[in-house]
Amino acid sequence: MGRLSRGYLGGFQGQLGTAYGCFWRLMDLIKAMPRKVKRPATEAQLPARLKMALITSFLGRLSHIIDIGFKNVAGPGQSAMNAAVSYNLNNAVTGTSPNYTIDFPNLMVTKGKLAQPYLMELAVDTPAEITFKWKETTSDSNGKPTDKAIFFVFNPTKGQSVSLTGVVTRSTLEYALSIPLDFSGDTVQCYMSFVSADGKLVSDSLYIGGIQTL
């Protein structure tokens, strides 16, 4: 939206329709807005664009986890999401162009130096639930009983996910995560990690594996 800076007979500043007004060297100037040129990707560029689109779309649903999980590895001027995209683009994409897919065992949704979940197990005993079980960390680790759990479950068949943060602590050792009823019979990919109680430290996410739901 343009703004009149010196009355209705004067020039304007900002965008007005397809024009842009500014005051430069004591002169009111009106410029045409530059056209957006969308060039189709070349054959060499297409694989990189397809991979980028896959990763950004996948991680976009996890922004609340990524903000926690990659803030400590983001470089100067880099957001946590940009750091997550960069890492997973290089490590968690498999296949050949144009048929790229997420490499689930190598996917990271959090990355850090806190102790990971220890001796993880998954159990499916009840419809619409997945039970995560873990053991206490060893005495030489930096894990604390007050660390908060992060759960992430992705259903490739439905293209949907379930995530939960901060509900239980490391000392709980078990948690039954609710999932949608329509996940029934699908194989889902499961991850877990921890974040310290003060939010300053986070663990690498642990890929626990795929499991078929009831």
Protein backbone atom coordinates (compact mmCIF):
# COMPACT_ATOMS: atom_id res chain seq x y z
CA MET A 1 0.00 0.00 0.00
CA GLY A 2 1.39 3.42 -0.95
CA ARG A 3 1.61 6.34 1.49
CA LEU A 4 1.25 10.05 0.57
CA SER A 5 4.21 11.83 2.11
CA ARG A 6 3.58 15.48 1.15
CA GLY A 7 -0.16 15.87 0.64
CA TYR A 8 -2.34 14.67 -2.20
CA LEU A 9 -0.39 16.70 -4.77
CA GLY A 10 2.94 15.26 -3.69
CA GLY A 11 4.55 11.93 -4.43
CA PHE A 12 3.85 8.69 -2.67
CA GLN A 13 6.01 6.09 -1.03
CA GLY A 14 5.55 2.35 -1.24
CA GLN A 15 3.60 0.11 -3.58
CA LEU A 16 0.43 1.28 -5.32
CA GLY A 17 -0.95 -1.31 -7.71
CA THR A 18 1.82 -2.15 -10.17
CA ALA A 19 3.81 1.00 -9.35
CA TYR A 20 6.30 1.79 -6.61
CA GLY A 21 6.88 5.33 -5.35
CA CYS A 22 9.99 6.68 -3.61
CA PHE A 23 11.79 9.97 -2.88
CA TRP A 24 15.35 10.02 -4.27
CA ARG A 25 17.76 12.98 -4.59
CA LEU A 26 15.01 15.52 -3.89
CA MET A 27 12.82 13.96 -6.59
CA ASP A 28 9.59 11.97 -6.41
CA LEU A 29 10.03 8.87 -8.53
CA ILE A 30 7.51 6.29 -9.65
CA LYS A 31 8.84 2.94 -10.79
CA ALA A 32 7.14 -0.06 -12.31
CA MET A 33 7.21 -3.11 -10.07
CA PRO A 34 9.60 -5.75 -11.38
CA ARG A 35 7.99 -8.75 -12.99
CA LYS A 36 8.38 -12.09 -11.31
CA VAL A 37 10.01 -14.45 -13.74
CA LYS A 38 9.37 -18.11 -13.12
CA ARG A 39 11.72 -20.09 -15.27
CA PRO A 40 11.15 -23.82 -15.42
CA ALA A 41 13.89 -25.89 -13.86
CA THR A 42 16.51 -27.23 -16.21
CA GLU A 43 17.14 -30.97 -16.37
CA ALA A 44 20.18 -30.50 -14.12
CA GLN A 45 18.27 -28.40 -11.58
CA LEU A 46 15.17 -30.61 -11.34
CA PRO A 47 16.56 -33.28 -8.94
CA ALA A 48 17.71 -30.65 -6.43
CA ARG A 49 14.35 -28.87 -6.58
CA LEU A 50 12.42 -32.12 -6.14
CA LYS A 51 14.51 -33.08 -3.10
CA MET A 52 14.10 -29.63 -1.59
CA ALA A 53 10.33 -29.68 -2.12
CA LEU A 54 10.09 -33.12 -0.49
CA ILE A 55 12.08 -32.17 2.61
CA THR A 56 10.54 -28.74 3.16
CA SER A 57 7.03 -30.16 2.81
CA PHE A 58 7.77 -33.00 5.23
CA LEU A 59 9.50 -30.90 7.88
CA GLY A 60 6.95 -28.09 7.60
CA ARG A 61 4.47 -30.16 9.62
CA LEU A 62 7.07 -30.38 12.43
CA SER A 63 7.98 -26.73 12.88
CA HIS A 64 7.13 -26.85 16.61
CA ILE A 65 9.61 -29.72 17.09
CA ILE A 66 12.24 -28.37 14.68
CA ASP A 67 12.32 -25.05 16.55
CA ILE A 68 13.38 -27.01 19.65
CA GLY A 69 15.42 -29.69 17.99
CA PHE A 70 17.70 -27.75 15.64
CA LYS A 71 18.12 -24.38 17.35
CA ASN A 72 21.50 -25.38 18.80
CA VAL A 73 22.98 -26.45 15.45
CA ALA A 74 21.74 -23.52 13.38
CA GLY A 75 24.58 -21.34 12.11
CA PRO A 76 24.78 -17.52 12.28
CA GLY A 77 21.76 -16.00 10.57
CA GLN A 78 20.27 -19.47 10.01
CA SER A 79 16.92 -20.54 11.39
CA ALA A 80 16.36 -23.89 13.07
CA MET A 81 14.17 -24.94 10.13
CA ASN A 82 16.89 -24.04 7.62
CA ALA A 83 19.39 -26.10 9.60
CA ALA A 84 16.99 -29.06 9.68
CA VAL A 85 16.31 -28.81 5.95
CA SER A 86 20.03 -28.63 5.20
CA TYR A 87 20.86 -31.68 7.32
CA ASN A 88 18.02 -33.87 6.10
CA LEU A 89 18.45 -32.81 2.48
CA ASN A 90 21.95 -34.28 2.61
CA ASN A 91 21.17 -37.32 4.75
CA ALA A 92 17.51 -38.33 4.62
CA VAL A 93 16.48 -38.46 0.95
CA THR A 94 16.65 -41.64 -1.07
CA GLY A 95 15.66 -42.76 -4.57
CA THR A 96 16.34 -41.48 -8.07
CA SER A 97 14.80 -38.52 -9.87
CA PRO A 98 11.91 -37.92 -9.99
CA ASN A 99 10.96 -40.63 -7.47
CA TYR A 100 12.53 -39.39 -4.25
CA THR A 101 11.31 -40.53 -0.83
CA ILE A 102 12.20 -39.90 2.81
CA ASP A 103 14.91 -42.22 4.15
CA PHE A 104 13.23 -42.82 7.51
CA PRO A 105 16.15 -44.44 9.42
CA ASN A 106 18.36 -41.43 8.63
CA LEU A 107 15.76 -38.73 9.24
CA MET A 108 16.51 -36.38 12.16
CA VAL A 109 13.81 -34.26 13.77
CA THR A 110 16.02 -33.14 16.67
CA LYS A 111 19.80 -32.93 16.86
CA GLY A 112 21.96 -32.28 19.90
CA LYS A 113 24.24 -33.61 22.63
CA LEU A 114 21.77 -34.69 25.30
CA ALA A 115 21.55 -38.45 25.97
CA GLN A 116 19.17 -40.26 23.62
CA PRO A 117 16.37 -42.57 24.77
CA TYR A 118 18.00 -45.77 26.03
CA LEU A 119 17.03 -49.34 25.06
CA MET A 120 13.81 -48.35 23.30
CA GLU A 121 10.93 -50.72 22.64
CA LEU A 122 7.58 -50.29 20.88
CA ALA A 123 4.39 -52.16 21.68
CA VAL A 124 0.96 -52.19 20.07
CA ASP A 125 -1.55 -53.83 22.38
CA THR A 126 -4.53 -51.50 22.01
CA PRO A 127 -6.18 -49.96 18.93
CA ALA A 128 -5.27 -46.31 18.34
CA GLU A 129 -2.26 -46.48 20.67
CA ILE A 130 1.48 -47.05 20.44
CA THR A 131 3.35 -47.67 23.68
CA PHE A 132 6.92 -46.33 23.88
CA LYS A 133 9.14 -47.99 26.50
CA TRP A 134 12.69 -47.06 27.52
CA LYS A 135 15.21 -47.68 30.29
CA GLU A 136 17.05 -45.37 32.64
CA THR A 137 20.22 -43.94 31.15
CA THR A 138 23.62 -45.08 32.34
CA SER A 139 25.34 -43.17 35.14
CA ASP A 140 27.98 -41.73 32.81
CA SER A 141 25.43 -40.05 30.49
CA ASN A 142 24.19 -36.45 30.74
CA GLY A 143 20.55 -37.49 30.76
CA LYS A 144 18.45 -36.36 33.72
CA PRO A 145 15.16 -37.75 35.08
CA THR A 146 13.53 -34.37 34.43
CA ASP A 147 14.27 -34.37 30.68
CA LYS A 148 11.05 -34.09 28.69
CA ALA A 149 10.11 -36.60 26.00
CA ILE A 150 9.40 -35.77 22.35
CA PHE A 151 7.43 -38.32 20.32
CA PHE A 152 6.90 -38.33 16.56
CA VAL A 153 4.95 -40.90 14.52
CA PHE A 154 4.54 -40.69 10.76
CA ASN A 155 2.09 -42.68 8.67
CA PRO A 156 3.42 -42.91 5.07
CA THR A 157 0.19 -44.47 3.84
CA LYS A 158 -1.96 -41.59 5.03
CA GLY A 159 0.71 -38.90 4.74
CA GLN A 160 -0.17 -37.81 8.29
CA SER A 161 1.75 -37.55 11.53
CA VAL A 162 1.27 -37.39 15.29
CA SER A 163 3.67 -35.57 17.60
CA LEU A 164 3.77 -34.77 21.29
CA THR A 165 6.25 -32.81 23.41
CA GLY A 166 6.73 -32.15 27.10
CA VAL A 167 3.98 -34.38 28.53
CA VAL A 168 6.18 -36.98 30.25
CA THR A 169 9.74 -37.05 31.57
CA ARG A 170 12.65 -39.45 31.10
CA SER A 171 11.94 -40.99 34.52
CA THR A 172 8.47 -42.15 33.40
CA LEU A 173 10.01 -44.98 31.32
CA GLU A 174 6.80 -45.65 29.39
CA TYR A 175 4.10 -43.75 27.54
CA ALA A 176 1.06 -44.80 25.47
CA LEU A 177 0.73 -42.35 22.59
CA SER A 178 -2.74 -41.94 21.09
CA ILE A 179 -2.97 -42.11 17.29
CA PRO A 180 -5.95 -41.70 14.93
CA LEU A 181 -8.30 -44.67 14.60
CA ASP A 182 -7.94 -44.58 10.81
CA PHE A 183 -4.24 -45.49 11.20
CA SER A 184 -5.50 -49.00 11.94
CA GLY A 185 -3.54 -51.66 10.02
CA ASP A 186 -0.98 -49.16 8.67
CA THR A 187 2.75 -49.37 9.33
CA VAL A 188 3.95 -46.18 10.99
CA GLN A 189 7.48 -44.81 11.51
CA CYS A 190 8.34 -43.92 15.11
CA TYR A 191 10.87 -41.52 16.64
CA MET A 192 11.65 -40.27 20.12
CA SER A 193 14.02 -37.78 21.69
CA PHE A 194 14.50 -35.72 24.84
CA VAL A 195 14.84 -32.03 25.65
CA SER A 196 16.19 -30.79 29.00
CA ALA A 197 13.75 -29.23 31.44
CA ASP A 198 15.19 -25.76 30.77
CA GLY A 199 15.03 -26.29 27.00
CA LYS A 200 18.74 -25.66 26.51
CA LEU A 201 19.82 -29.18 25.55
CA VAL A 202 18.24 -31.66 23.16
CA SER A 203 19.16 -35.17 22.05
CA ASP A 204 19.48 -36.61 18.59
CA SER A 205 16.14 -38.08 17.65
CA LEU A 206 16.17 -41.86 17.76
CA TYR A 207 14.55 -43.80 14.92
CA ILE A 208 12.88 -46.71 16.69
CA GLY A 209 11.50 -48.33 13.56
CA GLY A 210 8.28 -49.10 11.78
CA ILE A 211 5.42 -50.92 13.49
CA GLN A 212 1.99 -52.03 12.29
CA THR A 213 -0.92 -50.61 14.24
CA LEU A 214 -4.01 -52.50 15.38
